Structure formats: structure tokens, C-alpha cells
Amino acid sequence: APASFTWGNAGRNFLRGPRQLNFDAGVSRAFRWTEKVTFSLRAEGFNLLNMPQFGLPNATIGVAQAGVITTVQNPERQLQLALRVVF
């Protein structure tokens, strides 16, 4: 540890977080009921692979938790379905 009020010898940005990978998808289909009425069905999925996106490591040097990742950035898998009627 460097002396008080002095710079240490660690380089800039030497603590790096894990990579970010996210897979989202959506599918939609339109159906014509009559000449004036159309139904639109849409399904969307967020974080489909359900992979956790870990946060950045603790950057406070000199404490026991330095470099430890304790957070998750994204929510778990989410699916949604929508029906739209246009008349």
C-alpha cells in the first residue's frame, strides 16, 4: 500500500469487470379478421439464455472486499405476450 497522500504504482483501469452478453428476441404476426379489423400478436423474450450479467468489482483498494463482485446488473429471464386489435 502506498504512503498516505501519494500515488501508488497500479496502472489506470487495472480492475476490469466481466463481459456483457445479452440475447433478446421478438416475434410478431398480423391476422386480418375482416376488412376493417386486424389482430396483431407479438411475443418478446428478454435475457432468453438466462445468463447473469455480473456488476463491476469493488474498486476500493485496501479493504478485504477489493476486487470482489457482489452485484448482478440485469434481471432474470422475462417473457411477454401482447395482442393488439386495430379497427
PDB file of N, CA and C in Angstrom:
ATOM      1  N   ALA A   1       0.839  -1.187   0.000  1.00  0.00           N
ATOM      2  CA  ALA A   1       0.000   0.000   0.000  1.00  0.00           C
ATOM      3  C   ALA A   1       0.880   1.245   0.000  1.00  0.00           C
ATOM      4  N   PRO A   2       0.526   2.227  -0.812  1.00  0.00           N
ATOM      5  CA  PRO A   2       1.336   3.445  -0.846  1.00  0.00           C
ATOM      6  C   PRO A   2       1.148   4.262   0.434  1.00  0.00           C
ATOM      7  N   ALA A   3       2.116   5.126   0.685  1.00  0.00           N
ATOM      8  CA  ALA A   3       2.025   6.004   1.843  1.00  0.00           C
ATOM      9  C   ALA A   3       0.859   6.977   1.661  1.00  0.00           C
ATOM     10  N   SER A   4       0.401   7.535   2.761  1.00  0.00           N
ATOM     11  CA  SER A   4      -0.724   8.458   2.695  1.00  0.00           C
ATOM     12  C   SER A   4      -0.430   9.639   1.788  1.00  0.00           C
ATOM     13  N   PHE A   5      -1.436  10.059   1.006  1.00  0.00           N
ATOM     14  CA  PHE A   5      -1.378  11.220   0.117  1.00  0.00           C
ATOM     15  C   PHE A   5      -0.342  11.072  -0.989  1.00  0.00           C
ATOM     16  N   THR A   6      -0.055   9.835  -1.411  1.00  0.00           N
ATOM     17  CA  THR A   6       0.856   9.597  -2.536  1.00  0.00           C
ATOM     18  C   THR A   6       0.171   8.648  -3.513  1.00  0.00           C
ATOM     19  N   TRP A   7       0.641   8.664  -4.746  1.00  0.00           N
ATOM     20  CA  TRP A   7       0.106   7.785  -5.767  1.00  0.00           C
ATOM     21  C   TRP A   7       0.734   6.407  -5.630  1.00  0.00           C
ATOM     22  N   GLY A   8      -0.019   5.365  -5.919  1.00  0.00           N
ATOM     23  CA  GLY A   8       0.513   4.010  -5.910  1.00  0.00           C
ATOM     24  C   GLY A   8       1.116   3.681  -7.270  1.00  0.00           C
ATOM     25  N   ASN A   9       1.470   2.421  -7.469  1.00  0.00           N
ATOM     26  CA  ASN A   9       2.101   2.029  -8.723  1.00  0.00           C
ATOM     27  C   ASN A   9       1.165   1.218  -9.622  1.00  0.00           C
ATOM     28  N   ALA A  10      -0.118   1.127  -9.288  1.00  0.00           N
ATOM     29  CA  ALA A  10      -1.063   0.401 -10.133  1.00  0.00           C
ATOM     30  C   ALA A  10      -1.409   1.253 -11.353  1.00  0.00           C
ATOM     31  N   GLY A  11      -1.550   0.598 -12.484  1.00  0.00           N
ATOM     32  CA  GLY A  11      -1.892   1.296 -13.719  1.00  0.00           C
ATOM     33  C   GLY A  11      -3.351   1.738 -13.721  1.00  0.00           C
ATOM     34  N   ARG A  12      -3.669   2.546 -14.687  1.00  0.00           N
ATOM     35  CA  ARG A  12      -5.033   3.042 -14.817  1.00  0.00           C
ATOM     36  C   ARG A  12      -5.940   1.922 -15.318  1.00  0.00           C
ATOM     37  N   ASN A  13      -7.155   1.832 -14.779  1.00  0.00           N
ATOM     38  CA  ASN A  13      -8.167   0.853 -15.182  1.00  0.00           C
ATOM     39  C   ASN A  13      -7.672  -0.589 -15.060  1.00  0.00           C
ATOM     40  N   PHE A  14      -7.002  -0.914 -13.993  1.00  0.00           N
ATOM     41  CA  PHE A  14      -6.494  -2.271 -13.856  1.00  0.00           C
ATOM     42  C   PHE A  14      -7.554  -3.230 -13.313  1.00  0.00           C
ATOM     43  N   LEU A  15      -8.641  -2.717 -12.758  1.00  0.00           N
ATOM     44  CA  LEU A  15      -9.751  -3.569 -12.355  1.00  0.00           C
ATOM     45  C   LEU A  15     -10.779  -3.586 -13.485  1.00  0.00           C
ATOM     46  N   ARG A  16     -11.021  -4.755 -14.029  1.00  0.00           N
ATOM     47  CA  ARG A  16     -11.967  -4.872 -15.134  1.00  0.00           C
ATOM     48  C   ARG A  16     -13.086  -5.811 -14.749  1.00  0.00           C
ATOM     49  N   GLY A  17     -14.263  -5.481 -15.216  1.00  0.00           N
ATOM     50  CA  GLY A  17     -15.427  -6.313 -14.938  1.00  0.00           C
ATOM     51  C   GLY A  17     -15.580  -7.405 -15.986  1.00  0.00           C
ATOM     52  N   PRO A  18     -16.507  -8.317 -15.766  1.00  0.00           N
ATOM     53  CA  PRO A  18     -16.746  -9.389 -16.730  1.00  0.00           C
ATOM     54  C   PRO A  18     -17.450  -8.865 -17.980  1.00  0.00           C
ATOM     55  N   ARG A  19     -17.406  -9.656 -19.027  1.00  0.00           N
ATOM     56  CA  ARG A  19     -18.026  -9.242 -20.285  1.00  0.00           C
ATOM     57  C   ARG A  19     -19.547  -9.226 -20.156  1.00  0.00           C
ATOM     58  N   GLN A  20     -20.184  -8.512 -21.050  1.00  0.00           N
ATOM     59  CA  GLN A  20     -21.636  -8.406 -21.070  1.00  0.00           C
ATOM     60  C   GLN A  20     -22.155  -9.159 -22.294  1.00  0.00           C
ATOM     61  N   LEU A  21     -23.116 -10.054 -22.080  1.00  0.00           N
ATOM     62  CA  LEU A  21     -23.722 -10.806 -23.164  1.00  0.00           C
ATOM     63  C   LEU A  21     -25.210 -10.919 -22.879  1.00  0.00           C
ATOM     64  N   ASN A  22     -26.026 -10.474 -23.830  1.00  0.00           N
ATOM     65  CA  ASN A  22     -27.466 -10.478 -23.642  1.00  0.00           C
ATOM     66  C   ASN A  22     -28.116 -10.917 -24.937  1.00  0.00           C
ATOM     67  N   PHE A  23     -29.170 -11.745 -24.840  1.00  0.00           N
ATOM     68  CA  PHE A  23     -29.861 -12.238 -26.019  1.00  0.00           C
ATOM     69  C   PHE A  23     -31.348 -11.963 -25.868  1.00  0.00           C
ATOM     70  N   ASP A  24     -31.870 -11.035 -26.673  1.00  0.00           N
ATOM     71  CA  ASP A  24     -33.289 -10.672 -26.679  1.00  0.00           C
ATOM     72  C   ASP A  24     -33.867 -11.031 -28.047  1.00  0.00           C
ATOM     73  N   ALA A  25     -35.147 -11.391 -28.068  1.00  0.00           N
ATOM     74  CA  ALA A  25     -35.784 -11.742 -29.341  1.00  0.00           C
ATOM     75  C   ALA A  25     -37.261 -11.378 -29.293  1.00  0.00           C
ATOM     76  N   GLY A  26     -37.825 -11.163 -30.454  1.00  0.00           N
ATOM     77  CA  GLY A  26     -39.249 -10.860 -30.574  1.00  0.00           C
ATOM     78  C   GLY A  26     -39.802 -11.436 -31.869  1.00  0.00           C
ATOM     79  N   VAL A  27     -41.055 -11.891 -31.802  1.00  0.00           N
ATOM     80  CA  VAL A  27     -41.730 -12.452 -32.966  1.00  0.00           C
ATOM     81  C   VAL A  27     -43.119 -11.841 -33.024  1.00  0.00           C
ATOM     82  N   SER A  28     -43.567 -11.464 -34.212  1.00  0.00           N
ATOM     83  CA  SER A  28     -44.917 -10.901 -34.334  1.00  0.00           C
ATOM     84  C   SER A  28     -45.597 -11.451 -35.584  1.00  0.00           C
ATOM     85  N   ARG A  29     -46.918 -11.452 -35.521  1.00  0.00           N
ATOM     86  CA  ARG A  29     -47.724 -11.928 -36.642  1.00  0.00           C
ATOM     87  C   ARG A  29     -49.021 -11.133 -36.665  1.00  0.00           C
ATOM     88  N   ALA A  30     -49.458 -10.720 -37.851  1.00  0.00           N
ATOM     89  CA  ALA A  30     -50.706  -9.972 -38.013  1.00  0.00           C
ATOM     90  C   ALA A  30     -51.733 -10.855 -38.706  1.00  0.00           C
ATOM     91  N   PHE A  31     -52.970 -10.821 -38.207  1.00  0.00           N
ATOM     92  CA  PHE A  31     -54.078 -11.581 -38.765  1.00  0.00           C
ATOM     93  C   PHE A  31     -55.192 -10.613 -39.145  1.00  0.00           C
ATOM     94  N   ARG A  32     -55.751 -10.776 -40.328  1.00  0.00           N
ATOM     95  CA  ARG A  32     -56.860  -9.931 -40.757  1.00  0.00           C
ATOM     96  C   ARG A  32     -58.158 -10.672 -40.464  1.00  0.00           C
ATOM     97  N   TRP A  33     -59.026 -10.066 -39.648  1.00  0.00           N
ATOM     98  CA  TRP A  33     -60.308 -10.673 -39.283  1.00  0.00           C
ATOM     99  C   TRP A  33     -61.370 -10.322 -40.337  1.00  0.00           C
ATOM    100  N   THR A  34     -61.525  -9.030 -40.544  1.00  0.00           N
ATOM    101  CA  THR A  34     -62.407  -8.550 -41.611  1.00  0.00           C
ATOM    102  C   THR A  34     -61.632  -7.487 -42.376  1.00  0.00           C
ATOM    103  N   GLU A  35     -62.369  -6.762 -43.219  1.00  0.00           N
ATOM    104  CA  GLU A  35     -61.707  -5.719 -43.982  1.00  0.00           C
ATOM    105  C   GLU A  35     -61.184  -4.596 -43.098  1.00  0.00           C
ATOM    106  N   LYS A  36     -61.870  -4.351 -41.979  1.00  0.00           N
ATOM    107  CA  LYS A  36     -61.505  -3.236 -41.111  1.00  0.00           C
ATOM    108  C   LYS A  36     -60.864  -3.659 -39.796  1.00  0.00           C
ATOM    109  N   VAL A  37     -60.879  -4.920 -39.459  1.00  0.00           N
ATOM    110  CA  VAL A  37     -60.369  -5.383 -38.164  1.00  0.00           C
ATOM    111  C   VAL A  37     -59.137  -6.265 -38.384  1.00  0.00           C
ATOM    112  N   THR A  38     -58.053  -5.915 -37.696  1.00  0.00           N
ATOM    113  CA  THR A  38     -56.813  -6.675 -37.767  1.00  0.00           C
ATOM    114  C   THR A  38     -56.325  -6.985 -36.357  1.00  0.00           C
ATOM    115  N   PHE A  39     -55.887  -8.208 -36.150  1.00  0.00           N
ATOM    116  CA  PHE A  39     -55.276  -8.611 -34.884  1.00  0.00           C
ATOM    117  C   PHE A  39     -53.776  -8.726 -35.085  1.00  0.00           C
ATOM    118  N   SER A  40     -53.037  -8.288 -34.118  1.00  0.00           N
ATOM    119  CA  SER A  40     -51.588  -8.412 -34.155  1.00  0.00           C
ATOM    120  C   SER A  40     -51.140  -9.108 -32.874  1.00  0.00           C
ATOM    121  N   LEU A  41     -50.439 -10.217 -33.016  1.00  0.00           N
ATOM    122  CA  LEU A  41     -49.948 -10.997 -31.882  1.00  0.00           C
ATOM    123  C   LEU A  41     -48.439 -10.871 -31.832  1.00  0.00           C
ATOM    124  N   ARG A  42     -47.916 -10.570 -30.658  1.00  0.00           N
ATOM    125  CA  ARG A  42     -46.470 -10.356 -30.506  1.00  0.00           C
ATOM    126  C   ARG A  42     -45.968 -11.057 -29.252  1.00  0.00           C
ATOM    127  N   ALA A  43     -44.852 -11.757 -29.381  1.00  0.00           N
ATOM    128  CA  ALA A  43     -44.191 -12.414 -28.249  1.00  0.00           C
ATOM    129  C   ALA A  43     -42.753 -11.896 -28.179  1.00  0.00           C
ATOM    130  N   GLU A  44     -42.334 -11.510 -26.988  1.00  0.00           N
ATOM    131  CA  GLU A  44     -40.982 -10.984 -26.793  1.00  0.00           C
ATOM    132  C   GLU A  44     -40.332 -11.696 -25.620  1.00  0.00           C
ATOM    133  N   GLY A  45     -39.044 -11.908 -25.727  1.00  0.00           N
ATOM    134  CA  GLY A  45     -38.281 -12.513 -24.647  1.00  0.00           C
ATOM    135  C   GLY A  45     -37.022 -11.705 -24.391  1.00  0.00           C
ATOM    136  N   PHE A  46     -36.764 -11.415 -23.133  1.00  0.00           N
ATOM    137  CA  PHE A  46     -35.585 -10.655 -22.738  1.00  0.00           C
ATOM    138  C   PHE A  46     -34.700 -11.546 -21.880  1.00  0.00           C
ATOM    139  N   ASN A  47     -33.393 -11.527 -22.138  1.00  0.00           N
ATOM    140  CA  ASN A  47     -32.417 -12.371 -21.467  1.00  0.00           C
ATOM    141  C   ASN A  47     -32.827 -13.842 -21.621  1.00  0.00           C
ATOM    142  N   LEU A  48     -33.058 -14.259 -22.858  1.00  0.00           N
ATOM    143  CA  LEU A  48     -33.572 -15.594 -23.136  1.00  0.00           C
ATOM    144  C   LEU A  48     -32.665 -16.713 -22.642  1.00  0.00           C
ATOM    145  N   LEU A  49     -31.380 -16.516 -22.656  1.00  0.00           N
ATOM    146  CA  LEU A  49     -30.457 -17.554 -22.193  1.00  0.00           C
ATOM    147  C   LEU A  49     -30.322 -17.569 -20.674  1.00  0.00           C
ATOM    148  N   ASN A  50     -30.960 -16.615 -20.013  1.00  0.00           N
ATOM    149  CA  ASN A  50     -30.961 -16.507 -18.549  1.00  0.00           C
ATOM    150  C   ASN A  50     -29.541 -16.489 -17.972  1.00  0.00           C
ATOM    151  N   MET A  51     -28.664 -15.716 -18.610  1.00  0.00           N
ATOM    152  CA  MET A  51     -27.277 -15.602 -18.157  1.00  0.00           C
ATOM    153  C   MET A  51     -27.143 -14.377 -17.257  1.00  0.00           C
ATOM    154  N   PRO A  52     -26.561 -14.533 -16.084  1.00  0.00           N
ATOM    155  CA  PRO A  52     -26.379 -13.373 -15.209  1.00  0.00           C
ATOM    156  C   PRO A  52     -25.313 -12.435 -15.767  1.00  0.00           C
ATOM    157  N   GLN A  53     -25.566 -11.139 -15.675  1.00  0.00           N
ATOM    158  CA  GLN A  53     -24.595 -10.126 -16.075  1.00  0.00           C
ATOM    159  C   GLN A  53     -24.040  -9.531 -14.787  1.00  0.00           C
ATOM    160  N   PHE A  54     -22.877  -9.956 -14.396  1.00  0.00           N
ATOM    161  CA  PHE A  54     -22.306  -9.523 -13.139  1.00  0.00           C
ATOM    162  C   PHE A  54     -21.862  -8.070 -13.209  1.00  0.00           C
ATOM    163  N   GLY A  55     -21.939  -7.386 -12.078  1.00  0.00           N
ATOM    164  CA  GLY A  55     -21.562  -5.979 -11.996  1.00  0.00           C
ATOM    165  C   GLY A  55     -20.059  -5.808 -11.946  1.00  0.00           C
ATOM    166  N   LEU A  56     -19.643  -4.594 -11.700  1.00  0.00           N
ATOM    167  CA  LEU A  56     -18.221  -4.282 -11.622  1.00  0.00           C
ATOM    168  C   LEU A  56     -17.656  -4.696 -10.265  1.00  0.00           C
ATOM    169  N   PRO A  57     -16.374  -5.042 -10.221  1.00  0.00           N
ATOM    170  CA  PRO A  57     -15.776  -5.405  -8.932  1.00  0.00           C
ATOM    171  C   PRO A  57     -15.631  -4.185  -8.029  1.00  0.00           C
ATOM    172  N   ASN A  58     -15.572  -4.443  -6.733  1.00  0.00           N
ATOM    173  CA  ASN A  58     -15.370  -3.378  -5.759  1.00  0.00           C
ATOM    174  C   ASN A  58     -13.990  -2.754  -5.998  1.00  0.00           C
ATOM    175  N   ALA A  59     -13.932  -1.451  -6.209  1.00  0.00           N
ATOM    176  CA  ALA A  59     -12.689  -0.774  -6.578  1.00  0.00           C
ATOM    177  C   ALA A  59     -12.023  -0.075  -5.403  1.00  0.00           C
ATOM    178  N   THR A  60     -12.475  -0.310  -4.187  1.00  0.00           N
ATOM    179  CA  THR A  60     -11.860   0.309  -3.021  1.00  0.00           C
ATOM    180  C   THR A  60     -10.655  -0.528  -2.608  1.00  0.00           C
ATOM    181  N   ILE A  61      -9.481  -0.030  -2.915  1.00  0.00           N
ATOM    182  CA  ILE A  61      -8.257  -0.762  -2.620  1.00  0.00           C
ATOM    183  C   ILE A  61      -7.905  -0.598  -1.135  1.00  0.00           C
ATOM    184  N   GLY A  62      -7.460  -1.671  -0.542  1.00  0.00           N
ATOM    185  CA  GLY A  62      -7.067  -1.619   0.860  1.00  0.00           C
ATOM    186  C   GLY A  62      -8.117  -2.219   1.797  1.00  0.00           C
ATOM    187  N   VAL A  63      -9.237  -2.642   1.274  1.00  0.00           N
ATOM    188  CA  VAL A  63     -10.256  -3.295   2.091  1.00  0.00           C
ATOM    189  C   VAL A  63     -10.323  -4.765   1.696  1.00  0.00           C
ATOM    190  N   ALA A  64     -10.938  -5.569   2.543  1.00  0.00           N
ATOM    191  CA  ALA A  64     -10.986  -7.005   2.291  1.00  0.00           C
ATOM    192  C   ALA A  64     -11.825  -7.358   1.063  1.00  0.00           C
ATOM    193  N   GLN A  65     -12.784  -6.533   0.688  1.00  0.00           N
ATOM    194  CA  GLN A  65     -13.670  -6.813  -0.444  1.00  0.00           C
ATOM    195  C   GLN A  65     -13.141  -6.268  -1.775  1.00  0.00           C
ATOM    196  N   ALA A  66     -11.895  -5.842  -1.844  1.00  0.00           N
ATOM    197  CA  ALA A  66     -11.340  -5.274  -3.080  1.00  0.00           C
ATOM    198  C   ALA A  66     -11.336  -6.320  -4.188  1.00  0.00           C
ATOM    199  N   GLY A  67     -11.913  -5.961  -5.332  1.00  0.00           N
ATOM    200  CA  GLY A  67     -11.944  -6.851  -6.480  1.00  0.00           C
ATOM    201  C   GLY A  67     -13.048  -7.888  -6.446  1.00  0.00           C
ATOM    202  N   VAL A  68     -13.911  -7.860  -5.443  1.00  0.00           N
ATOM    203  CA  VAL A  68     -14.984  -8.846  -5.321  1.00  0.00           C
ATOM    204  C   VAL A  68     -16.251  -8.315  -5.997  1.00  0.00           C
ATOM    205  N   ILE A  69     -16.893  -9.160  -6.791  1.00  0.00           N
ATOM    206  CA  ILE A  69     -18.139  -8.791  -7.460  1.00  0.00           C
ATOM    207  C   ILE A  69     -19.300  -9.270  -6.597  1.00  0.00           C
ATOM    208  N   THR A  70     -20.182  -8.344  -6.213  1.00  0.00           N
ATOM    209  CA  THR A  70     -21.301  -8.695  -5.330  1.00  0.00           C
ATOM    210  C   THR A  70     -22.661  -8.332  -5.919  1.00  0.00           C
ATOM    211  N   THR A  71     -22.711  -7.849  -7.158  1.00  0.00           N
ATOM    212  CA  THR A  71     -23.978  -7.415  -7.742  1.00  0.00           C
ATOM    213  C   THR A  71     -24.218  -8.097  -9.087  1.00  0.00           C
ATOM    214  N   VAL A  72     -25.489  -8.122  -9.485  1.00  0.00           N
ATOM    215  CA  VAL A  72     -25.905  -8.593 -10.804  1.00  0.00           C
ATOM    216  C   VAL A  72     -26.628  -7.429 -11.472  1.00  0.00           C
ATOM    217  N   GLN A  73     -26.301  -7.141 -12.737  1.00  0.00           N
ATOM    218  CA  GLN A  73     -26.810  -5.961 -13.419  1.00  0.00           C
ATOM    219  C   GLN A  73     -28.178  -6.147 -14.062  1.00  0.00           C
ATOM    220  N   ASN A  74     -28.478  -7.327 -14.555  1.00  0.00           N
ATOM    221  CA  ASN A  74     -29.724  -7.492 -15.300  1.00  0.00           C
ATOM    222  C   ASN A  74     -30.692  -8.399 -14.550  1.00  0.00           C
ATOM    223  N   PRO A  75     -31.972  -8.280 -14.849  1.00  0.00           N
ATOM    224  CA  PRO A  75     -32.958  -9.162 -14.215  1.00  0.00           C
ATOM    225  C   PRO A  75     -32.932 -10.547 -14.848  1.00  0.00           C
ATOM    226  N   GLU A  76     -33.686 -11.466 -14.256  1.00  0.00           N
ATOM    227  CA  GLU A  76     -33.779 -12.812 -14.800  1.00  0.00           C
ATOM    228  C   GLU A  76     -34.578 -12.806 -16.104  1.00  0.00           C
ATOM    229  N   ARG A  77     -34.753 -13.973 -16.706  1.00  0.00           N
ATOM    230  CA  ARG A  77     -35.466 -14.088 -17.977  1.00  0.00           C
ATOM    231  C   ARG A  77     -36.876 -13.515 -17.853  1.00  0.00           C
ATOM    232  N   GLN A  78     -37.277 -12.740 -18.862  1.00  0.00           N
ATOM    233  CA  GLN A  78     -38.619 -12.157 -18.885  1.00  0.00           C
ATOM    234  C   GLN A  78     -39.263 -12.448 -20.239  1.00  0.00           C
ATOM    235  N   LEU A  79     -40.514 -12.925 -20.196  1.00  0.00           N
ATOM    236  CA  LEU A  79     -41.277 -13.198 -21.408  1.00  0.00           C
ATOM    237  C   LEU A  79     -42.551 -12.387 -21.362  1.00  0.00           C
ATOM    238  N   GLN A  80     -42.991 -11.865 -22.512  1.00  0.00           N
ATOM    239  CA  GLN A  80     -44.249 -11.137 -22.554  1.00  0.00           C
ATOM    240  C   GLN A  80     -44.963 -11.414 -23.866  1.00  0.00           C
ATOM    241  N   LEU A  81     -46.274 -11.389 -23.771  1.00  0.00           N
ATOM    242  CA  LEU A  81     -47.139 -11.660 -24.890  1.00  0.00           C
ATOM    243  C   LEU A  81     -48.123 -10.509 -25.033  1.00  0.00           C
ATOM    244  N   ALA A  82     -48.342 -10.038 -26.252  1.00  0.00           N
ATOM    245  CA  ALA A  82     -49.239  -8.907 -26.474  1.00  0.00           C
ATOM    246  C   ALA A  82     -50.192  -9.219 -27.624  1.00  0.00           C
ATOM    247  N   LEU A  83     -51.426  -8.760 -27.480  1.00  0.00           N
ATOM    248  CA  LEU A  83     -52.433  -8.873 -28.526  1.00  0.00           C
ATOM    249  C   LEU A  83     -52.972  -7.469 -28.792  1.00  0.00           C
ATOM    250  N   ARG A  84     -52.959  -7.076 -30.045  1.00  0.00           N
ATOM    251  CA  ARG A  84     -53.401  -5.740 -30.422  1.00  0.00           C
ATOM    252  C   ARG A  84     -54.523  -5.862 -31.445  1.00  0.00           C
ATOM    253  N   VAL A  85     -55.583  -5.123 -31.218  1.00  0.00           N
ATOM    254  CA  VAL A  85     -56.722  -5.133 -32.128  1.00  0.00           C
ATOM    255  C   VAL A  85     -56.826  -3.747 -32.755  1.00  0.00           C
ATOM    256  N   VAL A  86     -56.810  -3.696 -34.065  1.00  0.00           N
ATOM    257  CA  VAL A  86     -56.925  -2.441 -34.811  1.00  0.00           C
ATOM    258  C   VAL A  86     -58.230  -2.484 -35.590  1.00  0.00           C
ATOM    259  N   PHE A  87     -59.080  -1.487 -35.349  1.00  0.00           N
ATOM    260  CA  PHE A  87     -60.370  -1.439 -36.063  1.00  0.00           C
ATOM    261  C   PHE A  87     -60.678  -0.051 -36.531  1.00  0.00           C
TER     262      PHE A  87
END
